[in-house]
Amino acid sequence: MLQRESTKGDVTGSAHGVGSVGMMTGMQTETLVGLMGLGGAVVGVGGTLLGSWLQHRQQAEMAREERAEARAGEAESRGRGVAEKALTELYSLRRHALSWKAGMSAEERNEWVGTAHVMADQAELHTALVPGADTLRARLRDALSAARKSFFLDGYEAEHEAYRSEFDTSHCIALLSAYMRGDATLPEPTVREERETIERDMQKDL
């Protein structure tokens, strides 16, 4: 009798134990499901934030590129504008060279030479404002220096025509025109331009 009751108690206790384990397992499962859901939400929020950050970064990069392109376009436009002014000044300088005539008085010769130098200075000033044109500026500086000397020589020594002034000014026009056309290379330097380049380099070494 006592043995049966003991067996019955064991069975009842086992049943209670199994029930407790089942309840604990259920609670753990619910907890895991909750944690997984929370983790998924965190990952989702993180992914949204990362996506927003990447989109913002891409938009900022595109905006920077657009501003850079706009600045480059403005610089190119300004550069072409001042280059056109320099070219106009050079054509005026060549017409001025052709205005030389025999029999000019000393005063007329002085005025002719002085006007030529002012025009050459204006052309060089405009060229100095062309962005990214270091080679052109150096070449035109030496070519204009040669032209100034030619105007001086023609103004006081020429007898029939100012051929040196016209030739050197035409060379300056060819240099600037080639640059504005986008030619692969600029015209070869003249002998007088090369002489000016050599003199300038020698002065740098002093």
C-alpha atoms as a PDB file:
ATOM      1  CA  MET A   1       0.000   0.000   0.000  1.00  0.00           C
ATOM      2  CA  LEU A   2       2.687   2.413   1.008  1.00  0.00           C
ATOM      3  CA  GLN A   3       4.729   1.412  -2.026  1.00  0.00           C
ATOM      4  CA  ARG A   4       1.888   2.258  -4.395  1.00  0.00           C
ATOM      5  CA  GLU A   5       1.420   5.672  -2.788  1.00  0.00           C
ATOM      6  CA  SER A   6       5.140   6.321  -3.138  1.00  0.00           C
ATOM      7  CA  THR A   7       5.036   5.385  -6.782  1.00  0.00           C
ATOM      8  CA  LYS A   8       2.059   7.629  -7.285  1.00  0.00           C
ATOM      9  CA  GLY A   9       3.895  10.503  -5.629  1.00  0.00           C
ATOM     10  CA  ASP A  10       6.882   9.988  -7.851  1.00  0.00           C
ATOM     11  CA  VAL A  11       4.738  10.073 -10.935  1.00  0.00           C
ATOM     12  CA  THR A  12       2.986  13.226  -9.758  1.00  0.00           C
ATOM     13  CA  GLY A  13       6.335  14.902  -8.978  1.00  0.00           C
ATOM     14  CA  SER A  14       7.674  13.947 -12.368  1.00  0.00           C
ATOM     15  CA  ALA A  15       4.645  15.414 -14.013  1.00  0.00           C
ATOM     16  CA  HIS A  16       5.102  18.678 -12.142  1.00  0.00           C
ATOM     17  CA  GLY A  17       8.811  18.688 -13.148  1.00  0.00           C
ATOM     18  CA  VAL A  18       8.002  18.119 -16.782  1.00  0.00           C
ATOM     19  CA  GLY A  19       5.450  20.910 -16.658  1.00  0.00           C
ATOM     20  CA  SER A  20       7.932  23.305 -15.148  1.00  0.00           C
ATOM     21  CA  VAL A  21      10.517  22.479 -17.783  1.00  0.00           C
ATOM     22  CA  GLY A  22       7.926  22.979 -20.501  1.00  0.00           C
ATOM     23  CA  MET A  23       6.973  26.357 -19.089  1.00  0.00           C
ATOM     24  CA  MET A  24      10.630  27.409 -18.886  1.00  0.00           C
ATOM     25  CA  THR A  25      11.276  26.252 -22.439  1.00  0.00           C
ATOM     26  CA  GLY A  26       8.296  28.231 -23.666  1.00  0.00           C
ATOM     27  CA  MET A  27       9.458  31.352 -21.866  1.00  0.00           C
ATOM     28  CA  GLN A  28      12.956  30.961 -23.292  1.00  0.00           C
ATOM     29  CA  THR A  29      11.544  30.572 -26.797  1.00  0.00           C
ATOM     30  CA  GLU A  30       9.425  33.686 -26.391  1.00  0.00           C
ATOM     31  CA  THR A  31      12.457  35.540 -25.075  1.00  0.00           C
ATOM     32  CA  LEU A  32      14.586  34.427 -28.000  1.00  0.00           C
ATOM     33  CA  VAL A  33      11.880  35.390 -30.463  1.00  0.00           C
ATOM     34  CA  GLY A  34      11.630  38.794 -28.795  1.00  0.00           C
ATOM     35  CA  LEU A  35      15.376  39.299 -28.879  1.00  0.00           C
ATOM     36  CA  MET A  36      15.500  38.247 -32.509  1.00  0.00           C
ATOM     37  CA  GLY A  37      12.746  40.683 -33.311  1.00  0.00           C
ATOM     38  CA  LEU A  38      14.562  43.447 -31.461  1.00  0.00           C
ATOM     39  CA  GLY A  39      17.809  42.565 -33.217  1.00  0.00           C
ATOM     40  CA  GLY A  40      16.038  42.672 -36.555  1.00  0.00           C
ATOM     41  CA  ALA A  41      14.607  46.082 -35.731  1.00  0.00           C
ATOM     42  CA  VAL A  42      18.044  47.376 -34.748  1.00  0.00           C
ATOM     43  CA  VAL A  43      19.538  46.003 -37.944  1.00  0.00           C
ATOM     44  CA  GLY A  44      16.718  47.557 -39.937  1.00  0.00           C
ATOM     45  CA  VAL A  45      17.236  50.976 -38.335  1.00  0.00           C
ATOM     46  CA  GLY A  46      20.992  50.660 -38.826  1.00  0.00           C
ATOM     47  CA  GLY A  47      20.500  49.749 -42.467  1.00  0.00           C
ATOM     48  CA  THR A  48      18.176  52.724 -42.962  1.00  0.00           C
ATOM     49  CA  LEU A  49      20.668  55.104 -41.336  1.00  0.00           C
ATOM     50  CA  LEU A  50      23.525  53.679 -43.389  1.00  0.00           C
ATOM     51  CA  GLY A  51      21.511  53.984 -46.558  1.00  0.00           C
ATOM     52  CA  SER A  52      20.608  57.591 -45.737  1.00  0.00           C
ATOM     53  CA  TRP A  53      24.251  58.408 -44.972  1.00  0.00           C
ATOM     54  CA  LEU A  54      25.447  56.844 -48.222  1.00  0.00           C
ATOM     55  CA  GLN A  55      22.785  58.699 -50.183  1.00  0.00           C
ATOM     56  CA  HIS A  56      23.705  61.980 -48.509  1.00  0.00           C
ATOM     57  CA  ARG A  57      27.391  61.368 -49.212  1.00  0.00           C
ATOM     58  CA  GLN A  58      26.685  60.594 -52.851  1.00  0.00           C
ATOM     59  CA  GLN A  59      24.553  63.718 -53.221  1.00  0.00           C
ATOM     60  CA  ALA A  60      27.265  65.835 -51.574  1.00  0.00           C
ATOM     61  CA  GLU A  61      29.899  64.377 -53.926  1.00  0.00           C
ATOM     62  CA  MET A  62      27.713  65.077 -56.941  1.00  0.00           C
ATOM     63  CA  ALA A  63      27.155  68.631 -55.729  1.00  0.00           C
ATOM     64  CA  ARG A  64      30.917  69.143 -55.354  1.00  0.00           C
ATOM     65  CA  GLU A  65      31.515  67.814 -58.857  1.00  0.00           C
ATOM     66  CA  GLU A  66      28.828  70.109 -60.260  1.00  0.00           C
ATOM     67  CA  ARG A  67      30.371  73.110 -58.495  1.00  0.00           C
ATOM     68  CA  ALA A  68      33.820  72.153 -59.770  1.00  0.00           C
ATOM     69  CA  GLU A  69      32.484  71.832 -63.327  1.00  0.00           C
ATOM     70  CA  ALA A  70      30.714  75.169 -62.990  1.00  0.00           C
ATOM     71  CA  ARG A  71      33.915  76.860 -61.767  1.00  0.00           C
ATOM     72  CA  ALA A  72      35.893  75.263 -64.587  1.00  0.00           C
ATOM     73  CA  GLY A  73      33.319  76.470 -67.087  1.00  0.00           C
ATOM     74  CA  GLU A  74      33.423  79.983 -65.661  1.00  0.00           C
ATOM     75  CA  ALA A  75      37.239  79.995 -65.705  1.00  0.00           C
ATOM     76  CA  GLU A  76      37.261  78.789 -69.316  1.00  0.00           C
ATOM     77  CA  SER A  77      34.730  81.445 -70.266  1.00  0.00           C
ATOM     78  CA  ARG A  78      36.722  84.198 -68.547  1.00  0.00           C
ATOM     79  CA  GLY A  79      39.948  82.888 -70.089  1.00  0.00           C
ATOM     80  CA  ARG A  80      38.508  82.952 -73.582  1.00  0.00           C
ATOM     81  CA  GLY A  81      37.134  86.428 -72.972  1.00  0.00           C
ATOM     82  CA  VAL A  82      40.496  87.924 -71.983  1.00  0.00           C
ATOM     83  CA  ALA A  83      42.249  85.968 -74.758  1.00  0.00           C
ATOM     84  CA  GLU A  84      39.884  87.530 -77.291  1.00  0.00           C
ATOM     85  CA  LYS A  85      40.674  90.964 -75.859  1.00  0.00           C
ATOM     86  CA  ALA A  86      44.396  90.258 -76.207  1.00  0.00           C
ATOM     87  CA  LEU A  87      43.900  89.098 -79.796  1.00  0.00           C
ATOM     88  CA  THR A  88      41.911  92.229 -80.616  1.00  0.00           C
ATOM     89  CA  GLU A  89      44.707  94.334 -79.149  1.00  0.00           C
ATOM     90  CA  LEU A  90      47.283  92.490 -81.241  1.00  0.00           C
ATOM     91  CA  TYR A  91      45.332  93.091 -84.454  1.00  0.00           C
ATOM     92  CA  SER A  92      45.158  96.771 -83.534  1.00  0.00           C
ATOM     93  CA  LEU A  93      48.907  96.701 -82.941  1.00  0.00           C
ATOM     94  CA  ARG A  94      49.511  95.245 -86.391  1.00  0.00           C
ATOM     95  CA  ARG A  95      47.329  97.909 -87.994  1.00  0.00           C
ATOM     96  CA  HIS A  96      49.339 100.454 -86.058  1.00  0.00           C
ATOM     97  CA  ALA A  97      52.555  98.970 -87.474  1.00  0.00           C
ATOM     98  CA  LEU A  98      51.164  99.430 -90.971  1.00  0.00           C
ATOM     99  CA  SER A  99      50.425 103.073 -90.210  1.00  0.00           C
ATOM    100  CA  TRP A 100      54.131 103.871 -90.299  1.00  0.00           C
ATOM    101  CA  LYS A 101      55.037 106.182 -93.145  1.00  0.00           C
ATOM    102  CA  ALA A 102      58.226 107.668 -94.455  1.00  0.00           C
ATOM    103  CA  GLY A 103      59.067 111.209 -93.590  1.00  0.00           C
ATOM    104  CA  MET A 104      57.518 111.224 -90.120  1.00  0.00           C
ATOM    105  CA  SER A 105      58.796 113.935 -87.822  1.00  0.00           C
ATOM    106  CA  ALA A 106      60.638 113.098 -84.611  1.00  0.00           C
ATOM    107  CA  GLU A 107      57.493 113.849 -82.631  1.00  0.00           C
ATOM    108  CA  GLU A 108      55.407 111.589 -84.855  1.00  0.00           C
ATOM    109  CA  ARG A 109      57.963 108.818 -84.533  1.00  0.00           C
ATOM    110  CA  ASN A 110      57.948 109.156 -80.729  1.00  0.00           C
ATOM    111  CA  GLU A 111      54.162 108.979 -80.670  1.00  0.00           C
ATOM    112  CA  TRP A 112      54.142 105.994 -83.024  1.00  0.00           C
ATOM    113  CA  VAL A 113      56.606 104.055 -80.849  1.00  0.00           C
ATOM    114  CA  GLY A 114      54.875 105.053 -77.589  1.00  0.00           C
ATOM    115  CA  THR A 115      51.441 103.975 -78.836  1.00  0.00           C
ATOM    116  CA  ALA A 116      52.860 100.637 -79.974  1.00  0.00           C
ATOM    117  CA  HIS A 117      54.336  99.968 -76.539  1.00  0.00           C
ATOM    118  CA  VAL A 118      51.019 100.758 -74.809  1.00  0.00           C
ATOM    119  CA  MET A 119      49.164  98.369 -77.127  1.00  0.00           C
ATOM    120  CA  ALA A 120      51.748  95.638 -76.551  1.00  0.00           C
ATOM    121  CA  ASP A 121      51.431  96.104 -72.789  1.00  0.00           C
ATOM    122  CA  GLN A 122      47.649  95.793 -72.992  1.00  0.00           C
ATOM    123  CA  ALA A 123      47.883  92.588 -75.015  1.00  0.00           C
ATOM    124  CA  GLU A 124      50.349  91.101 -72.539  1.00  0.00           C
ATOM    125  CA  LEU A 125      48.153  92.144 -69.607  1.00  0.00           C
ATOM    126  CA  HIS A 126      45.110  90.380 -71.058  1.00  0.00           C
ATOM    127  CA  THR A 127      47.167  87.275 -71.786  1.00  0.00           C
ATOM    128  CA  ALA A 128      48.410  87.221 -68.189  1.00  0.00           C
ATOM    129  CA  LEU A 129      44.793  86.720 -67.055  1.00  0.00           C
ATOM    130  CA  VAL A 130      44.234  83.584 -69.138  1.00  0.00           C
ATOM    131  CA  PRO A 131      44.083  80.672 -66.619  1.00  0.00           C
ATOM    132  CA  GLY A 132      46.263  77.617 -67.112  1.00  0.00           C
ATOM    133  CA  ALA A 133      48.249  79.114 -69.995  1.00  0.00           C
ATOM    134  CA  ASP A 134      51.782  79.214 -68.606  1.00  0.00           C
ATOM    135  CA  THR A 135      53.451  78.210 -71.866  1.00  0.00           C
ATOM    136  CA  LEU A 136      51.448  80.738 -73.865  1.00  0.00           C
ATOM    137  CA  ARG A 137      52.235  83.529 -71.417  1.00  0.00           C
ATOM    138  CA  ALA A 138      55.965  82.803 -71.529  1.00  0.00           C
ATOM    139  CA  ARG A 139      56.031  82.564 -75.316  1.00  0.00           C
ATOM    140  CA  LEU A 140      53.953  85.669 -75.859  1.00  0.00           C
ATOM    141  CA  ARG A 141      55.954  87.632 -73.307  1.00  0.00           C
ATOM    142  CA  ASP A 142      59.157  86.993 -75.259  1.00  0.00           C
ATOM    143  CA  ALA A 143      57.462  87.522 -78.621  1.00  0.00           C
ATOM    144  CA  LEU A 144      56.018  90.863 -77.484  1.00  0.00           C
ATOM    145  CA  SER A 145      59.380  91.881 -76.084  1.00  0.00           C
ATOM    146  CA  ALA A 146      60.849  91.284 -79.523  1.00  0.00           C
ATOM    147  CA  ALA A 147      57.997  93.252 -81.097  1.00  0.00           C
ATOM    148  CA  ARG A 148      58.602  96.242 -78.805  1.00  0.00           C
ATOM    149  CA  LYS A 149      62.257  96.366 -79.877  1.00  0.00           C
ATOM    150  CA  SER A 150      61.212  96.090 -83.513  1.00  0.00           C
ATOM    151  CA  PHE A 151      58.828  99.019 -83.131  1.00  0.00           C
ATOM    152  CA  PHE A 152      61.625 101.044 -81.596  1.00  0.00           C
ATOM    153  CA  LEU A 153      64.051 100.177 -84.412  1.00  0.00           C
ATOM    154  CA  ASP A 154      61.466 100.772 -87.144  1.00  0.00           C
ATOM    155  CA  GLY A 155      60.344 103.998 -85.525  1.00  0.00           C
ATOM    156  CA  TYR A 156      63.774 105.576 -85.690  1.00  0.00           C
ATOM    157  CA  GLU A 157      65.683 103.633 -88.337  1.00  0.00           C
ATOM    158  CA  ALA A 158      63.205 102.374 -90.968  1.00  0.00           C
ATOM    159  CA  GLU A 159      63.299 104.115 -94.326  1.00  0.00           C
ATOM    160  CA  HIS A 160      60.561 102.439 -96.384  1.00  0.00           C
ATOM    161  CA  GLU A 161      58.298 100.325 -94.122  1.00  0.00           C
ATOM    162  CA  ALA A 162      58.065  98.915 -90.606  1.00  0.00           C
ATOM    163  CA  TYR A 163      58.471  95.329 -91.764  1.00  0.00           C
ATOM    164  CA  ARG A 164      60.060  94.057 -88.521  1.00  0.00           C
ATOM    165  CA  SER A 165      57.199  95.404 -86.389  1.00  0.00           C
ATOM    166  CA  GLU A 166      54.568  93.918 -88.668  1.00  0.00           C
ATOM    167  CA  PHE A 167      56.319  90.544 -88.812  1.00  0.00           C
ATOM    168  CA  ASP A 168      56.773  90.240 -85.043  1.00  0.00           C
ATOM    169  CA  THR A 169      53.217  91.353 -84.337  1.00  0.00           C
ATOM    170  CA  SER A 170      51.882  88.807 -86.843  1.00  0.00           C
ATOM    171  CA  HIS A 171      53.892  86.140 -85.019  1.00  0.00           C
ATOM    172  CA  CYS A 172      52.220  87.134 -81.728  1.00  0.00           C
ATOM    173  CA  ILE A 173      48.823  86.844 -83.416  1.00  0.00           C
ATOM    174  CA  ALA A 174      49.739  83.375 -84.696  1.00  0.00           C
ATOM    175  CA  LEU A 175      50.754  82.261 -81.194  1.00  0.00           C
ATOM    176  CA  LEU A 176      47.541  83.393 -79.541  1.00  0.00           C
ATOM    177  CA  SER A 177      45.339  82.145 -82.389  1.00  0.00           C
ATOM    178  CA  ALA A 178      46.890  78.676 -82.192  1.00  0.00           C
ATOM    179  CA  TYR A 179      46.212  78.568 -78.460  1.00  0.00           C
ATOM    180  CA  MET A 180      42.601  79.653 -78.870  1.00  0.00           C
ATOM    181  CA  ARG A 181      42.024  77.046 -81.575  1.00  0.00           C
ATOM    182  CA  GLY A 182      43.388  74.386 -79.256  1.00  0.00           C
ATOM    183  CA  ASP A 183      46.241  73.377 -81.575  1.00  0.00           C
ATOM    184  CA  ALA A 184      48.474  70.579 -80.289  1.00  0.00           C
ATOM    185  CA  THR A 185      51.556  72.791 -80.548  1.00  0.00           C
ATOM    186  CA  LEU A 186      52.266  76.491 -80.803  1.00  0.00           C
ATOM    187  CA  PRO A 187      54.154  77.952 -83.793  1.00  0.00           C
ATOM    188  CA  GLU A 188      57.920  77.676 -83.705  1.00  0.00           C
ATOM    189  CA  PRO A 189      59.657  80.688 -82.143  1.00  0.00           C
ATOM    190  CA  THR A 190      61.247  83.246 -84.430  1.00  0.00           C
ATOM    191  CA  VAL A 191      64.923  84.130 -84.187  1.00  0.00           C
ATOM    192  CA  ARG A 192      64.108  87.354 -82.350  1.00  0.00           C
ATOM    193  CA  GLU A 193      61.788  85.549 -79.919  1.00  0.00           C
ATOM    194  CA  GLU A 194      64.488  82.972 -79.189  1.00  0.00           C
ATOM    195  CA  ARG A 195      66.943  85.776 -78.545  1.00  0.00           C
ATOM    196  CA  GLU A 196      64.575  87.315 -75.995  1.00  0.00           C
ATOM    197  CA  THR A 197      64.124  83.941 -74.290  1.00  0.00           C
ATOM    198  CA  ILE A 198      67.884  83.450 -74.019  1.00  0.00           C
ATOM    199  CA  GLU A 199      68.367  86.948 -72.573  1.00  0.00           C
ATOM    200  CA  ARG A 200      65.599  86.352 -70.019  1.00  0.00           C
ATOM    201  CA  ASP A 201      67.096  83.022 -68.957  1.00  0.00           C
ATOM    202  CA  MET A 202      70.518  84.614 -68.583  1.00  0.00           C
ATOM    203  CA  GLN A 203      69.061  87.321 -66.350  1.00  0.00           C
ATOM    204  CA  LYS A 204      67.550  84.624 -64.108  1.00  0.00           C
ATOM    205  CA  ASP A 205      71.005  83.118 -63.594  1.00  0.00           C
ATOM    206  CA  LEU A 206      72.540  86.402 -62.488  1.00  0.00           C
END
